[in-house]
Amino acid sequence: SGGTNYADSVKGRFTISRDNAKNTVY
């Protein structure tokens, strides 16, 4: 659905995203 979850150790520093057209996650 697009929601995200992060490990506590990386919150505020890491960001996950995706590009569906490219079938890629960053």
PDB file of all heavy atoms in Angstrom:
ATOM      1  N   SER A   1       0.803  -1.214   0.000  1.00  0.00           N
ATOM      2  CA  SER A   1       0.000   0.000   0.000  1.00  0.00           C
ATOM      3  C   SER A   1       0.842   1.272   0.000  1.00  0.00           C
ATOM      4  O   SER A   1       0.305   2.362  -0.176  1.00  0.00           O
ATOM      5  CB  SER A   1      -0.927   0.017   1.207  1.00  0.00           C
ATOM      6  OG  SER A   1      -0.196   0.072   2.410  1.00  0.00           O
ATOM      7  N   GLY A   2       2.138   1.134   0.216  1.00  0.00           N
ATOM      8  CA  GLY A   2       3.028   2.275   0.250  1.00  0.00           C
ATOM      9  C   GLY A   2       3.515   2.662   1.629  1.00  0.00           C
ATOM     10  O   GLY A   2       4.418   3.496   1.751  1.00  0.00           O
ATOM     11  N   GLY A   3       2.941   2.087   2.657  1.00  0.00           N
ATOM     12  CA  GLY A   3       3.390   2.373   3.999  1.00  0.00           C
ATOM     13  C   GLY A   3       4.786   1.833   4.250  1.00  0.00           C
ATOM     14  O   GLY A   3       5.231   0.893   3.597  1.00  0.00           O
ATOM     15  N   THR A   4       5.474   2.419   5.210  1.00  0.00           N
ATOM     16  CA  THR A   4       6.852   2.042   5.476  1.00  0.00           C
ATOM     17  C   THR A   4       7.070   1.719   6.946  1.00  0.00           C
ATOM     18  O   THR A   4       6.357   2.208   7.822  1.00  0.00           O
ATOM     19  CB  THR A   4       7.828   3.155   5.076  1.00  0.00           C
ATOM     20  OG1 THR A   4       7.482   4.367   5.763  1.00  0.00           O
ATOM     21  CG2 THR A   4       7.772   3.404   3.571  1.00  0.00           C
ATOM     22  N   ASN A   5       8.068   0.886   7.188  1.00  0.00           N
ATOM     23  CA  ASN A   5       8.508   0.562   8.533  1.00  0.00           C
ATOM     24  C   ASN A   5      10.025   0.570   8.560  1.00  0.00           C
ATOM     25  O   ASN A   5      10.669   0.105   7.617  1.00  0.00           O
ATOM     26  CB  ASN A   5       7.992  -0.814   8.969  1.00  0.00           C
ATOM     27  CG  ASN A   5       6.499  -0.847   9.171  1.00  0.00           C
ATOM     28  OD1 ASN A   5       5.965  -0.186  10.067  1.00  0.00           O
ATOM     29  ND2 ASN A   5       5.801  -1.605   8.336  1.00  0.00           N
ATOM     30  N   TYR A   6      10.577   1.090   9.646  1.00  0.00           N
ATOM     31  CA  TYR A   6      12.019   1.197   9.788  1.00  0.00           C
ATOM     32  C   TYR A   6      12.478   0.616  11.112  1.00  0.00           C
ATOM     33  O   TYR A   6      11.765   0.683  12.120  1.00  0.00           O
ATOM     34  CB  TYR A   6      12.469   2.657   9.741  1.00  0.00           C
ATOM     35  CG  TYR A   6      12.199   3.352   8.432  1.00  0.00           C
ATOM     36  CD1 TYR A   6      11.027   4.069   8.237  1.00  0.00           C
ATOM     37  CD2 TYR A   6      13.128   3.299   7.391  1.00  0.00           C
ATOM     38  CE1 TYR A   6      10.773   4.712   7.040  1.00  0.00           C
ATOM     39  CE2 TYR A   6      12.880   3.935   6.194  1.00  0.00           C
ATOM     40  CZ  TYR A   6      11.699   4.644   6.017  1.00  0.00           C
ATOM     41  OH  TYR A   6      11.462   5.277   4.819  1.00  0.00           O
ATOM     42  N   ALA A   7      13.677   0.072  11.085  1.00  0.00           N
ATOM     43  CA  ALA A   7      14.314  -0.304  12.331  1.00  0.00           C
ATOM     44  C   ALA A   7      14.576   0.951  13.152  1.00  0.00           C
ATOM     45  O   ALA A   7      14.882   2.014  12.605  1.00  0.00           O
ATOM     46  CB  ALA A   7      15.627  -1.033  12.064  1.00  0.00           C
ATOM     47  N   ASP A   8      14.455   0.836  14.465  1.00  0.00           N
ATOM     48  CA  ASP A   8      14.677   1.995  15.323  1.00  0.00           C
ATOM     49  C   ASP A   8      16.050   2.616  15.102  1.00  0.00           C
ATOM     50  O   ASP A   8      16.216   3.836  15.197  1.00  0.00           O
ATOM     51  CB  ASP A   8      14.524   1.607  16.797  1.00  0.00           C
ATOM     52  CG  ASP A   8      13.085   1.346  17.186  1.00  0.00           C
ATOM     53  OD1 ASP A   8      12.163   1.771  16.457  1.00  0.00           O
ATOM     54  OD2 ASP A   8      12.873   0.711  18.240  1.00  0.00           O
ATOM     55  N   SER A   9      17.027   1.791  14.799  1.00  0.00           N
ATOM     56  CA  SER A   9      18.385   2.267  14.658  1.00  0.00           C
ATOM     57  C   SER A   9      18.602   3.171  13.448  1.00  0.00           C
ATOM     58  O   SER A   9      19.601   3.889  13.392  1.00  0.00           O
ATOM     59  CB  SER A   9      19.355   1.085  14.585  1.00  0.00           C
ATOM     60  OG  SER A   9      19.057   0.254  13.477  1.00  0.00           O
ATOM     61  N   VAL A  10      17.682   3.143  12.489  1.00  0.00           N
ATOM     62  CA  VAL A  10      17.863   3.941  11.274  1.00  0.00           C
ATOM     63  C   VAL A  10      16.793   5.000  11.088  1.00  0.00           C
ATOM     64  O   VAL A  10      16.867   5.783  10.131  1.00  0.00           O
ATOM     65  CB  VAL A  10      17.929   3.055  10.014  1.00  0.00           C
ATOM     66  CG1 VAL A  10      18.992   1.970  10.175  1.00  0.00           C
ATOM     67  CG2 VAL A  10      16.569   2.449   9.690  1.00  0.00           C
ATOM     68  N   LYS A  11      15.825   5.057  11.969  1.00  0.00           N
ATOM     69  CA  LYS A  11      14.762   6.048  11.846  1.00  0.00           C
ATOM     70  C   LYS A  11      15.339   7.460  11.842  1.00  0.00           C
ATOM     71  O   LYS A  11      16.194   7.798  12.651  1.00  0.00           O
ATOM     72  CB  LYS A  11      13.757   5.902  12.983  1.00  0.00           C
ATOM     73  CG  LYS A  11      12.843   4.711  12.850  1.00  0.00           C
ATOM     74  CD  LYS A  11      11.849   4.634  14.006  1.00  0.00           C
ATOM     75  CE  LYS A  11      10.916   3.446  13.854  1.00  0.00           C
ATOM     76  NZ  LYS A  11       9.986   3.318  15.004  1.00  0.00           N
ATOM     77  N   GLY A  12      14.851   8.253  10.913  1.00  0.00           N
ATOM     78  CA  GLY A  12      15.327   9.617  10.784  1.00  0.00           C
ATOM     79  C   GLY A  12      16.560   9.758   9.928  1.00  0.00           C
ATOM     80  O   GLY A  12      16.946  10.882   9.593  1.00  0.00           O
ATOM     81  N   ARG A  13      17.188   8.645   9.582  1.00  0.00           N
ATOM     82  CA  ARG A  13      18.399   8.682   8.766  1.00  0.00           C
ATOM     83  C   ARG A  13      18.218   8.009   7.406  1.00  0.00           C
ATOM     84  O   ARG A  13      18.774   8.470   6.411  1.00  0.00           O
ATOM     85  CB  ARG A  13      19.560   8.005   9.499  1.00  0.00           C
ATOM     86  CG  ARG A  13      19.911   8.648  10.831  1.00  0.00           C
ATOM     87  CD  ARG A  13      21.196   8.073  11.405  1.00  0.00           C
ATOM     88  NE  ARG A  13      21.077   6.643  11.704  1.00  0.00           N
ATOM     89  CZ  ARG A  13      21.823   5.689  11.149  1.00  0.00           C
ATOM     90  NH1 ARG A  13      22.767   6.009  10.267  1.00  0.00           N
ATOM     91  NH2 ARG A  13      21.651   4.418  11.493  1.00  0.00           N
ATOM     92  N   PHE A  14      17.463   6.924   7.367  1.00  0.00           N
ATOM     93  CA  PHE A  14      17.272   6.161   6.134  1.00  0.00           C
ATOM     94  C   PHE A  14      15.860   6.356   5.614  1.00  0.00           C
ATOM     95  O   PHE A  14      14.907   6.513   6.398  1.00  0.00           O
ATOM     96  CB  PHE A  14      17.487   4.666   6.367  1.00  0.00           C
ATOM     97  CG  PHE A  14      18.907   4.258   6.676  1.00  0.00           C
ATOM     98  CD1 PHE A  14      19.915   5.183   6.885  1.00  0.00           C
ATOM     99  CD2 PHE A  14      19.217   2.905   6.746  1.00  0.00           C
ATOM    100  CE1 PHE A  14      21.207   4.789   7.171  1.00  0.00           C
ATOM    101  CE2 PHE A  14      20.511   2.495   7.030  1.00  0.00           C
ATOM    102  CZ  PHE A  14      21.508   3.432   7.244  1.00  0.00           C
ATOM    103  N   THR A  15      15.713   6.313   4.301  1.00  0.00           N
ATOM    104  CA  THR A  15      14.410   6.423   3.666  1.00  0.00           C
ATOM    105  C   THR A  15      14.285   5.388   2.566  1.00  0.00           C
ATOM    106  O   THR A  15      15.142   5.313   1.687  1.00  0.00           O
ATOM    107  CB  THR A  15      14.187   7.822   3.064  1.00  0.00           C
ATOM    108  OG1 THR A  15      14.332   8.823   4.079  1.00  0.00           O
ATOM    109  CG2 THR A  15      12.790   7.926   2.465  1.00  0.00           C
ATOM    110  N   ILE A  16      13.228   4.597   2.610  1.00  0.00           N
ATOM    111  CA  ILE A  16      12.961   3.634   1.556  1.00  0.00           C
ATOM    112  C   ILE A  16      11.910   4.212   0.618  1.00  0.00           C
ATOM    113  O   ILE A  16      10.967   4.878   1.047  1.00  0.00           O
ATOM    114  CB  ILE A  16      12.507   2.270   2.129  1.00  0.00           C
ATOM    115  CG1 ILE A  16      12.410   1.221   1.020  1.00  0.00           C
ATOM    116  CG2 ILE A  16      11.198   2.398   2.891  1.00  0.00           C
ATOM    117  CD1 ILE A  16      12.199  -0.204   1.536  1.00  0.00           C
ATOM    118  N   SER A  17      12.082   3.973  -0.661  1.00  0.00           N
ATOM    119  CA  SER A  17      11.132   4.437  -1.655  1.00  0.00           C
ATOM    120  C   SER A  17      11.113   3.462  -2.821  1.00  0.00           C
ATOM    121  O   SER A  17      11.957   2.565  -2.907  1.00  0.00           O
ATOM    122  CB  SER A  17      11.469   5.853  -2.137  1.00  0.00           C
ATOM    123  OG  SER A  17      12.743   5.891  -2.753  1.00  0.00           O
ATOM    124  N   ARG A  18      10.168   3.646  -3.705  1.00  0.00           N
ATOM    125  CA  ARG A  18      10.066   2.760  -4.853  1.00  0.00           C
ATOM    126  C   ARG A  18       9.652   3.528  -6.091  1.00  0.00           C
ATOM    127  O   ARG A  18       9.034   4.589  -6.014  1.00  0.00           O
ATOM    128  CB  ARG A  18       9.071   1.628  -4.584  1.00  0.00           C
ATOM    129  CG  ARG A  18       7.625   2.108  -4.432  1.00  0.00           C
ATOM    130  CD  ARG A  18       6.697   0.991  -4.034  1.00  0.00           C
ATOM    131  NE  ARG A  18       5.318   1.462  -3.905  1.00  0.00           N
ATOM    132  CZ  ARG A  18       4.326   0.771  -3.385  1.00  0.00           C
ATOM    133  NH1 ARG A  18       4.555  -0.462  -2.918  1.00  0.00           N
ATOM    134  NH2 ARG A  18       3.105   1.286  -3.313  1.00  0.00           N
ATOM    135  N   ASP A  19       9.998   2.968  -7.227  1.00  0.00           N
ATOM    136  CA  ASP A  19       9.571   3.470  -8.522  1.00  0.00           C
ATOM    137  C   ASP A  19       8.923   2.289  -9.221  1.00  0.00           C
ATOM    138  O   ASP A  19       9.612   1.415  -9.748  1.00  0.00           O
ATOM    139  CB  ASP A  19      10.754   4.012  -9.317  1.00  0.00           C
ATOM    140  CG  ASP A  19      10.342   4.655 -10.629  1.00  0.00           C
ATOM    141  OD1 ASP A  19       9.297   4.275 -11.192  1.00  0.00           O
ATOM    142  OD2 ASP A  19      11.069   5.544 -11.103  1.00  0.00           O
ATOM    143  N   ASN A  20       7.614   2.260  -9.207  1.00  0.00           N
ATOM    144  CA  ASN A  20       6.901   1.116  -9.759  1.00  0.00           C
ATOM    145  C   ASN A  20       7.147   0.938 -11.255  1.00  0.00           C
ATOM    146  O   ASN A  20       7.215  -0.189 -11.746  1.00  0.00           O
ATOM    147  CB  ASN A  20       5.406   1.245  -9.490  1.00  0.00           C
ATOM    148  CG  ASN A  20       5.055   1.064  -8.031  1.00  0.00           C
ATOM    149  OD1 ASN A  20       5.771   0.403  -7.284  1.00  0.00           O
ATOM    150  ND2 ASN A  20       3.933   1.640  -7.613  1.00  0.00           N
ATOM    151  N   ALA A  21       7.262   2.048 -11.979  1.00  0.00           N
ATOM    152  CA  ALA A  21       7.484   1.970 -13.416  1.00  0.00           C
ATOM    153  C   ALA A  21       8.800   1.280 -13.739  1.00  0.00           C
ATOM    154  O   ALA A  21       8.925   0.613 -14.767  1.00  0.00           O
ATOM    155  CB  ALA A  21       7.439   3.358 -14.044  1.00  0.00           C
ATOM    156  N   LYS A  22       9.792   1.462 -12.881  1.00  0.00           N
ATOM    157  CA  LYS A  22      11.103   0.857 -13.082  1.00  0.00           C
ATOM    158  C   LYS A  22      11.281  -0.427 -12.287  1.00  0.00           C
ATOM    159  O   LYS A  22      12.348  -1.046 -12.352  1.00  0.00           O
ATOM    160  CB  LYS A  22      12.203   1.845 -12.706  1.00  0.00           C
ATOM    161  CG  LYS A  22      12.236   3.100 -13.562  1.00  0.00           C
ATOM    162  CD  LYS A  22      13.359   4.027 -13.131  1.00  0.00           C
ATOM    163  CE  LYS A  22      13.414   5.262 -14.010  1.00  0.00           C
ATOM    164  NZ  LYS A  22      14.503   6.190 -13.595  1.00  0.00           N
ATOM    165  N   ASN A  23      10.253  -0.803 -11.534  1.00  0.00           N
ATOM    166  CA  ASN A  23      10.315  -1.990 -10.694  1.00  0.00           C
ATOM    167  C   ASN A  23      11.566  -1.963  -9.808  1.00  0.00           C
ATOM    168  O   ASN A  23      12.299  -2.946  -9.698  1.00  0.00           O
ATOM    169  CB  ASN A  23      10.291  -3.269 -11.532  1.00  0.00           C
ATOM    170  CG  ASN A  23       9.696  -4.448 -10.781  1.00  0.00           C
ATOM    171  OD1 ASN A  23       9.034  -4.289  -9.762  1.00  0.00           O
ATOM    172  ND2 ASN A  23       9.942  -5.652 -11.292  1.00  0.00           N
ATOM    173  N   THR A  24      11.759  -0.822  -9.175  1.00  0.00           N
ATOM    174  CA  THR A  24      12.965  -0.565  -8.405  1.00  0.00           C
ATOM    175  C   THR A  24      12.622  -0.045  -7.017  1.00  0.00           C
ATOM    176  O   THR A  24      11.678   0.724  -6.852  1.00  0.00           O
ATOM    177  CB  THR A  24      13.854   0.466  -9.129  1.00  0.00           C
ATOM    178  OG1 THR A  24      14.203  -0.030 -10.425  1.00  0.00           O
ATOM    179  CG2 THR A  24      15.120   0.749  -8.347  1.00  0.00           C
ATOM    180  N   VAL A  25      13.396  -0.464  -6.042  1.00  0.00           N
ATOM    181  CA  VAL A  25      13.280   0.061  -4.695  1.00  0.00           C
ATOM    182  C   VAL A  25      14.618   0.680  -4.307  1.00  0.00           C
ATOM    183  O   VAL A  25      15.679   0.185  -4.703  1.00  0.00           O
ATOM    184  CB  VAL A  25      12.840  -1.025  -3.695  1.00  0.00           C
ATOM    185  CG1 VAL A  25      13.891  -2.120  -3.566  1.00  0.00           C
ATOM    186  CG2 VAL A  25      12.518  -0.415  -2.337  1.00  0.00           C
ATOM    187  N   TYR A  26      14.561   1.764  -3.553  1.00  0.00           N
ATOM    188  CA  TYR A  26      15.751   2.503  -3.164  1.00  0.00           C
ATOM    189  C   TYR A  26      15.868   2.582  -1.648  1.00  0.00           C
ATOM    190  O   TYR A  26      14.878   2.510  -0.926  1.00  0.00           O
ATOM    191  CB  TYR A  26      15.709   3.931  -3.710  1.00  0.00           C
ATOM    192  CG  TYR A  26      15.510   4.029  -5.197  1.00  0.00           C
ATOM    193  CD1 TYR A  26      14.236   4.188  -5.738  1.00  0.00           C
ATOM    194  CD2 TYR A  26      16.596   3.963  -6.068  1.00  0.00           C
ATOM    195  CE1 TYR A  26      14.050   4.284  -7.104  1.00  0.00           C
ATOM    196  CE2 TYR A  26      16.410   4.054  -7.436  1.00  0.00           C
ATOM    197  CZ  TYR A  26      15.141   4.216  -7.949  1.00  0.00           C
ATOM    198  OH  TYR A  26      14.966   4.309  -9.312  1.00  0.00           O
TER     199      TYR A  26
END
